[in-house]
Amino acid sequence: MGNPDNALFRHIGGEEPLNDFFASLLSRTDVDQVMNEIHDGLEFQHGATVVGTQRDGLPNHPEENSKRRTLDWVIQDGEKIVGYESKTNDKLKRNQLLEERRKLEANADGREVHLFGVTEDLRQPDLSVDFSWLSWHDIADSLSEADTTTPITELMSDMLENEGYGRFEGFTPYSRDESWLITHQNEAVDFALEAAKYAEGVRFYHRQRVDLHNRVKNDVEAVKNNDYQSLGPSYFVFPNHPVGYRESDTAYNIRGDHGWYIAITIPALHNEVYVQLDTYLSKNEDFPEMFSENAEEITELVMSNDMTVWTSPNSLNREDPQQEFKDRETIRDIFRSKGGEGKYKRIRMGWEVDVDQPSDDIVAEAAEKMERLQELFYHGVEMRQEY
């Protein structure tokens, strides 16, 4: 095959450059050592090599395939041939995986055949296909925690961390500079993904990939002149939903345009974490009435679980800081008045997470609080149309 190293200096800016860079670095190091760190249950023999990439694929093409499939990278040793199909901008597709497995079989020369899909998902996609699965997040964790490192594996680890696949290791102290804003943003994403991974009964919600880079929101001069301004949204809000949730069968909604959903909320300029049930009253005409009719019950639920209520006139990416309420009477009045008839379009119920503790404990506390919200507001009532 040709030399995959020629792609080494491509810019990491999407699915294909990421695969190019990873395969290029892999071919420059001890392939078996690196892949044995990554895999649990699959062991490569000494001398394993990269024998195919998306730029220089395997030579034999099965006639029954509809396309000349090219896997992102393929590794071979004396016993087996292992192919990897990576998706970040898109999703794995059943037919593609079926044909790529045939491609591996056509080039196996008697070796065992293994096919892996590599994605940003937190759990294996269900495609009813004979394939195994790896997460880019788990690959990043394996490389960062490897027993043996080399300059190449350290570069691979740094690359994946910079792409947003690093493990959450705590929040960097605030510093008013561009580097801190980007670091904080990536730490927020790492935290949200890790908390969702450990929260039983709750899944992280995203339609395509997790967007690590938020749109520019504020005027540049306003940012330069005011400590409290940022270029991106004021808050990063990460929606989660109960396992088994089906939007078409219930009034609960997780997109955020109406209904309610479990959210991890992190301010863009502060090392703070909130786990909240986020409710958008103004987008669902039934919700203000529901809160008004059940004000006593919901208030009791909030107070007995030591929750805080936050309110705001609009969504968190374009507003002043959310108002905070802990007093029973005030909370009940907000619910009774249907959110103040629009004054409080957004109502959030939940807890602030203590960030002055080890990173694993921050994640564990957030996951526990997400599970508690799932138990209080969703468990056993996923298909219920009323509170």
Foldseek 3Di string as FASTA:
>chain_A
DDQLLVLCPPDPDFDLNLLSNVLNLCQVDFVQQLVVLLDDPDHADGPKHWDFAQVRADDDADPPQPDRDGFHIWIDDPAAIETEHEDAQADDALSNQVRVQVVRVRRTVNHHYAYEYEYQALDDDDHPHPHHYHYLLSSLVSLVPPPDDDPSSVVNNVVSVLVLSYAQFAQDPFDLDPVNLLRRLSNVSNLVSLLQSPQPQKHWDDDGHDDSDAAQDDDPVVSVVDLQDDRGFQKDKTFMAGPPFDVVQEPADTPQLAHWTWIWIDGSRDRWIWTKTKGQQVNDVVQLVQLQVCLVVVLCVQLVVVKKKWFFLDDRRDGDDTDIDRDSVVSSVCSNCSNVVRRGRMMIIFDIFDSPDTPVVSSVVSSVRSNVCCVPPPPPCSNPHGD
